[in-house]
């Protein structure tokens, strides 16, 4: 039961949705405008070790809605 992040292409709202079953992705709608034209956002991960906390990407990309870092100026 993953929690998946989405971006609404109509109203630009970002939200998370708990997917309870197979095929649940087909029924996801934006909670703001009820639009179904959504992009799935990919989450990053972080880990903690002896040297402290580290993220898988730089802190300047935490609100990015792009699918990849290609062409990113940050």
PDB file of N, CA and C in Angstrom:
ATOM      1  N   UNK A   1       0.838  -1.183   0.000  1.00  0.00           N
ATOM      2  CA  UNK A   1       0.000   0.000   0.000  1.00  0.00           C
ATOM      3  C   UNK A   1       0.888   1.253   0.000  1.00  0.00           C
ATOM      4  N   UNK A   2       1.376   1.630  -1.158  1.00  0.00           N
ATOM      5  CA  UNK A   2       2.258   2.799  -1.215  1.00  0.00           C
ATOM      6  C   UNK A   2       1.499   4.122  -1.161  1.00  0.00           C
ATOM      7  N   UNK A   3       2.182   5.129  -0.670  1.00  0.00           N
ATOM      8  CA  UNK A   3       1.687   6.503  -0.747  1.00  0.00           C
ATOM      9  C   UNK A   3       2.414   7.128  -1.927  1.00  0.00           C
ATOM     10  N   UNK A   4       1.648   7.625  -2.888  1.00  0.00           N
ATOM     11  CA  UNK A   4       2.217   8.162  -4.114  1.00  0.00           C
ATOM     12  C   UNK A   4       1.914   9.647  -4.206  1.00  0.00           C
ATOM     13  N   UNK A   5       2.912  10.420  -4.644  1.00  0.00           N
ATOM     14  CA  UNK A   5       2.742  11.860  -4.823  1.00  0.00           C
ATOM     15  C   UNK A   5       2.297  12.150  -6.249  1.00  0.00           C
ATOM     16  N   UNK A   6       1.396  13.128  -6.394  1.00  0.00           N
ATOM     17  CA  UNK A   6       0.879  13.510  -7.695  1.00  0.00           C
ATOM     18  C   UNK A   6       0.934  15.021  -7.871  1.00  0.00           C
ATOM     19  N   UNK A   7       0.945  15.442  -9.136  1.00  0.00           N
ATOM     20  CA  UNK A   7       0.887  16.846  -9.526  1.00  0.00           C
ATOM     21  C   UNK A   7      -0.267  16.993 -10.510  1.00  0.00           C
ATOM     22  N   UNK A   8      -1.176  17.935 -10.236  1.00  0.00           N
ATOM     23  CA  UNK A   8      -2.310  18.162 -11.122  1.00  0.00           C
ATOM     24  C   UNK A   8      -1.906  19.124 -12.234  1.00  0.00           C
ATOM     25  N   UNK A   9      -2.062  18.697 -13.475  1.00  0.00           N
ATOM     26  CA  UNK A   9      -1.700  19.539 -14.617  1.00  0.00           C
ATOM     27  C   UNK A   9      -2.684  20.682 -14.841  1.00  0.00           C
ATOM     28  N   UNK A  10      -3.858  20.637 -14.234  1.00  0.00           N
ATOM     29  CA  UNK A  10      -4.850  21.689 -14.409  1.00  0.00           C
ATOM     30  C   UNK A  10      -4.666  22.815 -13.393  1.00  0.00           C
ATOM     31  N   UNK A  11      -4.615  22.487 -12.097  1.00  0.00           N
ATOM     32  CA  UNK A  11      -4.551  23.535 -11.068  1.00  0.00           C
ATOM     33  C   UNK A  11      -3.197  23.611 -10.365  1.00  0.00           C
ATOM     34  N   UNK A  12      -2.226  22.783 -10.755  1.00  0.00           N
ATOM     35  CA  UNK A  12      -0.865  22.762 -10.228  1.00  0.00           C
ATOM     36  C   UNK A  12      -0.785  22.365  -8.744  1.00  0.00           C
ATOM     37  N   UNK A  13      -1.803  21.697  -8.238  1.00  0.00           N
ATOM     38  CA  UNK A  13      -1.811  21.240  -6.849  1.00  0.00           C
ATOM     39  C   UNK A  13      -0.986  19.966  -6.722  1.00  0.00           C
ATOM     40  N   UNK A  14      -0.151  19.891  -5.676  1.00  0.00           N
ATOM     41  CA  UNK A  14       0.600  18.670  -5.375  1.00  0.00           C
ATOM     42  C   UNK A  14      -0.071  18.003  -4.183  1.00  0.00           C
ATOM     43  N   UNK A  15      -0.219  16.681  -4.264  1.00  0.00           N
ATOM     44  CA  UNK A  15      -0.868  15.950  -3.187  1.00  0.00           C
ATOM     45  C   UNK A  15      -0.380  14.508  -3.145  1.00  0.00           C
ATOM     46  N   UNK A  16      -0.667  13.837  -2.052  1.00  0.00           N
ATOM     47  CA  UNK A  16      -0.315  12.436  -1.880  1.00  0.00           C
ATOM     48  C   UNK A  16      -1.586  11.606  -1.798  1.00  0.00           C
ATOM     49  N   UNK A  17      -1.499  10.385  -2.280  1.00  0.00           N
ATOM     50  CA  UNK A  17      -2.655   9.488  -2.279  1.00  0.00           C
ATOM     51  C   UNK A  17      -2.206   8.095  -1.834  1.00  0.00           C
ATOM     52  N   UNK A  18      -2.936   7.505  -0.925  1.00  0.00           N
ATOM     53  CA  UNK A  18      -2.683   6.133  -0.494  1.00  0.00           C
ATOM     54  C   UNK A  18      -3.388   5.200  -1.476  1.00  0.00           C
ATOM     55  N   UNK A  19      -2.633   4.318  -2.106  1.00  0.00           N
ATOM     56  CA  UNK A  19      -3.195   3.385  -3.083  1.00  0.00           C
ATOM     57  C   UNK A  19      -3.415   2.047  -2.379  1.00  0.00           C
ATOM     58  N   UNK A  20      -4.668   1.657  -2.225  1.00  0.00           N
ATOM     59  CA  UNK A  20      -5.012   0.486  -1.436  1.00  0.00           C
ATOM     60  C   UNK A  20      -5.049  -0.823  -2.226  1.00  0.00           C
ATOM     61  N   UNK A  21      -5.222  -0.772  -3.539  1.00  0.00           N
ATOM     62  CA  UNK A  21      -5.337  -2.011  -4.300  1.00  0.00           C
ATOM     63  C   UNK A  21      -4.786  -1.816  -5.707  1.00  0.00           C
ATOM     64  N   UNK A  22      -4.579  -2.930  -6.411  1.00  0.00           N
ATOM     65  CA  UNK A  22      -4.152  -2.867  -7.812  1.00  0.00           C
ATOM     66  C   UNK A  22      -5.213  -2.146  -8.623  1.00  0.00           C
ATOM     67  N   UNK A  23      -4.795  -1.301  -9.520  1.00  0.00           N
ATOM     68  CA  UNK A  23      -5.733  -0.542 -10.323  1.00  0.00           C
ATOM     69  C   UNK A  23      -6.213   0.726  -9.643  1.00  0.00           C
ATOM     70  N   UNK A  24      -5.792   0.960  -8.408  1.00  0.00           N
ATOM     71  CA  UNK A  24      -6.186   2.148  -7.665  1.00  0.00           C
ATOM     72  C   UNK A  24      -5.682   3.436  -8.276  1.00  0.00           C
ATOM     73  N   UNK A  25      -4.617   3.352  -9.050  1.00  0.00           N
ATOM     74  CA  UNK A  25      -4.084   4.545  -9.718  1.00  0.00           C
ATOM     75  C   UNK A  25      -5.070   5.117 -10.725  1.00  0.00           C
ATOM     76  N   UNK A  26      -5.915   4.269 -11.291  1.00  0.00           N
ATOM     77  CA  UNK A  26      -6.868   4.711 -12.308  1.00  0.00           C
ATOM     78  C   UNK A  26      -7.979   5.587 -11.753  1.00  0.00           C
ATOM     79  N   UNK A  27      -8.209   5.521 -10.439  1.00  0.00           N
ATOM     80  CA  UNK A  27      -9.313   6.272  -9.847  1.00  0.00           C
ATOM     81  C   UNK A  27      -8.868   7.542  -9.116  1.00  0.00           C
ATOM     82  N   UNK A  28      -7.576   7.883  -9.189  1.00  0.00           N
ATOM     83  CA  UNK A  28      -7.067   9.049  -8.471  1.00  0.00           C
ATOM     84  C   UNK A  28      -7.513  10.336  -9.164  1.00  0.00           C
ATOM     85  N   UNK A  29      -8.012  11.280  -8.369  1.00  0.00           N
ATOM     86  CA  UNK A  29      -8.417  12.605  -8.855  1.00  0.00           C
ATOM     87  C   UNK A  29      -7.812  13.662  -7.952  1.00  0.00           C
ATOM     88  N   UNK A  30      -7.565  14.819  -8.496  1.00  0.00           N
ATOM     89  CA  UNK A  30      -7.057  15.937  -7.719  1.00  0.00           C
ATOM     90  C   UNK A  30      -8.101  16.319  -6.661  1.00  0.00           C
ATOM     91  N   UNK A  31      -7.702  16.454  -5.401  1.00  0.00           N
ATOM     92  CA  UNK A  31      -8.668  16.820  -4.365  1.00  0.00           C
ATOM     93  C   UNK A  31      -9.148  18.267  -4.472  1.00  0.00           C
ATOM     94  N   UNK A  32      -8.423  19.112  -5.203  1.00  0.00           N
ATOM     95  CA  UNK A  32      -8.795  20.519  -5.357  1.00  0.00           C
ATOM     96  C   UNK A  32      -9.801  20.736  -6.485  1.00  0.00           C
ATOM     97  N   UNK A  33      -9.509  20.164  -7.669  1.00  0.00           N
ATOM     98  CA  UNK A  33     -10.348  20.453  -8.843  1.00  0.00           C
ATOM     99  C   UNK A  33     -10.990  19.208  -9.457  1.00  0.00           C
ATOM    100  N   UNK A  34     -10.711  18.035  -8.889  1.00  0.00           N
ATOM    101  CA  UNK A  34     -11.269  16.746  -9.350  1.00  0.00           C
ATOM    102  C   UNK A  34     -10.781  16.333 -10.734  1.00  0.00           C
ATOM    103  N   UNK A  35      -9.715  16.942 -11.212  1.00  0.00           N
ATOM    104  CA  UNK A  35      -9.138  16.618 -12.505  1.00  0.00           C
ATOM    105  C   UNK A  35      -8.422  15.271 -12.445  1.00  0.00           C
ATOM    106  N   UNK A  36      -8.383  14.549 -13.555  1.00  0.00           N
ATOM    107  CA  UNK A  36      -7.669  13.275 -13.615  1.00  0.00           C
ATOM    108  C   UNK A  36      -6.392  13.363 -14.460  1.00  0.00           C
ATOM    109  N   UNK A  37      -6.068  14.546 -14.991  1.00  0.00           N
ATOM    110  CA  UNK A  37      -4.836  14.752 -15.757  1.00  0.00           C
ATOM    111  C   UNK A  37      -3.706  15.026 -14.761  1.00  0.00           C
ATOM    112  N   UNK A  38      -3.103  13.939 -14.266  1.00  0.00           N
ATOM    113  CA  UNK A  38      -2.123  14.019 -13.194  1.00  0.00           C
ATOM    114  C   UNK A  38      -0.778  13.476 -13.634  1.00  0.00           C
ATOM    115  N   UNK A  39       0.267  13.982 -13.007  1.00  0.00           N
ATOM    116  CA  UNK A  39       1.602  13.426 -13.186  1.00  0.00           C
ATOM    117  C   UNK A  39       2.018  12.791 -11.875  1.00  0.00           C
ATOM    118  N   UNK A  40       2.633  11.652 -11.976  1.00  0.00           N
ATOM    119  CA  UNK A  40       3.145  10.983 -10.784  1.00  0.00           C
ATOM    120  C   UNK A  40       4.515  11.568 -10.464  1.00  0.00           C
ATOM    121  N   UNK A  41       4.700  12.024  -9.242  1.00  0.00           N
ATOM    122  CA  UNK A  41       5.971  12.590  -8.807  1.00  0.00           C
ATOM    123  C   UNK A  41       6.781  11.505  -8.112  1.00  0.00           C
ATOM    124  N   UNK A  42       8.072  11.544  -8.329  1.00  0.00           N
ATOM    125  CA  UNK A  42       8.934  10.539  -7.727  1.00  0.00           C
ATOM    126  C   UNK A  42       9.573  11.095  -6.474  1.00  0.00           C
ATOM    127  N   UNK A  43       9.457  10.341  -5.414  1.00  0.00           N
ATOM    128  CA  UNK A  43      10.017  10.754  -4.134  1.00  0.00           C
ATOM    129  C   UNK A  43      11.497  10.427  -4.087  1.00  0.00           C
ATOM    130  N   UNK A  44      12.185  11.183  -3.269  1.00  0.00           N
ATOM    131  CA  UNK A  44      13.591  10.890  -3.015  1.00  0.00           C
ATOM    132  C   UNK A  44      13.681  10.137  -1.701  1.00  0.00           C
ATOM    133  N   UNK A  45      14.820   9.634  -1.417  1.00  0.00           N
ATOM    134  CA  UNK A  45      15.009   8.954  -0.150  1.00  0.00           C
ATOM    135  C   UNK A  45      16.194   9.578   0.560  1.00  0.00           C
ATOM    136  N   UNK A  46      16.267   9.354   1.825  1.00  0.00           N
ATOM    137  CA  UNK A  46      17.370   9.864   2.629  1.00  0.00           C
ATOM    138  C   UNK A  46      17.833   8.757   3.557  1.00  0.00           C
ATOM    139  N   UNK A  47      19.041   8.908   4.044  1.00  0.00           N
ATOM    140  CA  UNK A  47      19.553   7.923   4.984  1.00  0.00           C
ATOM    141  C   UNK A  47      20.392   8.619   6.033  1.00  0.00           C
ATOM    142  N   UNK A  48      20.559   7.954   7.137  1.00  0.00           N
ATOM    143  CA  UNK A  48      21.358   8.485   8.231  1.00  0.00           C
ATOM    144  C   UNK A  48      22.502   7.528   8.497  1.00  0.00           C
ATOM    145  N   UNK A  49      23.666   8.073   8.639  1.00  0.00           N
ATOM    146  CA  UNK A  49      24.844   7.257   8.923  1.00  0.00           C
ATOM    147  C   UNK A  49      25.695   7.937   9.976  1.00  0.00           C
ATOM    148  N   UNK A  50      26.913   7.474  10.127  1.00  0.00           N
ATOM    149  CA  UNK A  50      27.813   8.047  11.123  1.00  0.00           C
ATOM    150  C   UNK A  50      28.130   9.511  10.865  1.00  0.00           C
ATOM    151  N   UNK A  51      28.089   9.923   9.614  1.00  0.00           N
ATOM    152  CA  UNK A  51      28.439  11.305   9.287  1.00  0.00           C
ATOM    153  C   UNK A  51      27.223  12.224   9.256  1.00  0.00           C
ATOM    154  N   UNK A  52      26.053  11.730   9.649  1.00  0.00           N
ATOM    155  CA  UNK A  52      24.872  12.576   9.698  1.00  0.00           C
ATOM    156  C   UNK A  52      23.852  12.221   8.640  1.00  0.00           C
ATOM    157  N   UNK A  53      22.928  13.141   8.400  1.00  0.00           N
ATOM    158  CA  UNK A  53      21.806  12.954   7.490  1.00  0.00           C
ATOM    159  C   UNK A  53      22.212  13.333   6.073  1.00  0.00           C
ATOM    160  N   UNK A  54      21.749  12.573   5.097  1.00  0.00           N
ATOM    161  CA  UNK A  54      22.031  12.877   3.701  1.00  0.00           C
ATOM    162  C   UNK A  54      20.815  12.555   2.854  1.00  0.00           C
ATOM    163  N   UNK A  55      20.545  13.409   1.884  1.00  0.00           N
ATOM    164  CA  UNK A  55      19.438  13.194   0.958  1.00  0.00           C
ATOM    165  C   UNK A  55      19.978  12.648  -0.341  1.00  0.00           C
ATOM    166  N   UNK A  56      19.120  12.017  -1.124  1.00  0.00           N
ATOM    167  CA  UNK A  56      19.558  11.463  -2.406  1.00  0.00           C
ATOM    168  C   UNK A  56      19.751  12.547  -3.459  1.00  0.00           C
ATOM    169  N   UNK A  57      19.210  13.756  -3.221  1.00  0.00           N
ATOM    170  CA  UNK A  57      19.404  14.877  -4.125  1.00  0.00           C
ATOM    171  C   UNK A  57      19.682  16.117  -3.307  1.00  0.00           C
ATOM    172  N   UNK A  58      20.078  17.191  -3.982  1.00  0.00           N
ATOM    173  CA  UNK A  58      20.347  18.445  -3.285  1.00  0.00           C
ATOM    174  C   UNK A  58      19.084  19.056  -2.728  1.00  0.00           C
ATOM    175  N   UNK A  59      19.230  19.880  -1.709  1.00  0.00           N
ATOM    176  CA  UNK A  59      18.077  20.480  -1.054  1.00  0.00           C
ATOM    177  C   UNK A  59      17.323  21.444  -1.955  1.00  0.00           C
ATOM    178  N   UNK A  60      17.943  21.948  -3.006  1.00  0.00           N
ATOM    179  CA  UNK A  60      17.266  22.883  -3.891  1.00  0.00           C
ATOM    180  C   UNK A  60      16.247  22.203  -4.795  1.00  0.00           C
ATOM    181  N   UNK A  61      16.190  20.886  -4.802  1.00  0.00           N
ATOM    182  CA  UNK A  61      15.279  20.162  -5.678  1.00  0.00           C
ATOM    183  C   UNK A  61      14.080  19.568  -4.950  1.00  0.00           C
ATOM    184  N   UNK A  62      13.874  19.871  -3.707  1.00  0.00           N
ATOM    185  CA  UNK A  62      12.825  19.202  -2.945  1.00  0.00           C
ATOM    186  C   UNK A  62      11.425  19.484  -3.458  1.00  0.00           C
ATOM    187  N   UNK A  63      11.173  20.634  -4.092  1.00  0.00           N
ATOM    188  CA  UNK A  63       9.841  20.952  -4.590  1.00  0.00           C
ATOM    189  C   UNK A  63       9.732  20.824  -6.108  1.00  0.00           C
ATOM    190  N   UNK A  64      10.701  20.203  -6.727  1.00  0.00           N
ATOM    191  CA  UNK A  64      10.719  20.065  -8.182  1.00  0.00           C
ATOM    192  C   UNK A  64       9.668  19.054  -8.633  1.00  0.00           C
ATOM    193  N   UNK A  65       8.964  19.372  -9.709  1.00  0.00           N
ATOM    194  CA  UNK A  65       7.956  18.446 -10.231  1.00  0.00           C
ATOM    195  C   UNK A  65       8.423  17.764 -11.507  1.00  0.00           C
ATOM    196  N   UNK A  66       9.678  17.924 -11.871  1.00  0.00           N
ATOM    197  CA  UNK A  66      10.218  17.297 -13.073  1.00  0.00           C
ATOM    198  C   UNK A  66      10.428  15.815 -12.864  1.00  0.00           C
ATOM    199  N   UNK A  67      10.422  15.048 -13.939  1.00  0.00           N
ATOM    200  CA  UNK A  67      10.646  13.606 -13.873  1.00  0.00           C
ATOM    201  C   UNK A  67      12.125  13.254 -13.828  1.00  0.00           C
ATOM    202  N   UNK A  68      12.993  14.188 -14.249  1.00  0.00           N
ATOM    203  CA  UNK A  68      14.423  13.936 -14.213  1.00  0.00           C
ATOM    204  C   UNK A  68      15.155  15.253 -13.985  1.00  0.00           C
ATOM    205  N   UNK A  69      16.456  15.167 -13.726  1.00  0.00           N
ATOM    206  CA  UNK A  69      17.263  16.361 -13.485  1.00  0.00           C
ATOM    207  C   UNK A  69      17.914  16.882 -14.762  1.00  0.00           C
ATOM    208  N   UNK A  70      17.602  16.297 -15.914  1.00  0.00           N
ATOM    209  CA  UNK A  70      18.151  16.725 -17.176  1.00  0.00           C
ATOM    210  C   UNK A  70      17.778  18.180 -17.451  1.00  0.00           C
ATOM    211  N   UNK A  71      18.767  19.012 -17.682  1.00  0.00           N
ATOM    212  CA  UNK A  71      18.521  20.423 -17.988  1.00  0.00           C
ATOM    213  C   UNK A  71      18.260  21.271 -16.775  1.00  0.00           C
ATOM    214  N   UNK A  72      18.361  20.725 -15.576  1.00  0.00           N
ATOM    215  CA  UNK A  72      18.103  21.499 -14.354  1.00  0.00           C
ATOM    216  C   UNK A  72      19.248  22.478 -14.137  1.00  0.00           C
ATOM    217  N   UNK A  73      18.914  23.690 -13.724  1.00  0.00           N
ATOM    218  CA  UNK A  73      19.949  24.711 -13.507  1.00  0.00           C
ATOM    219  C   UNK A  73      20.336  24.834 -12.045  1.00  0.00           C
ATOM    220  N   UNK A  74      19.754  24.014 -11.185  1.00  0.00           N
ATOM    221  CA  UNK A  74      20.062  24.111  -9.742  1.00  0.00           C
ATOM    222  C   UNK A  74      21.247  23.282  -9.366  1.00  0.00           C
TER     223      UNK A  74
END
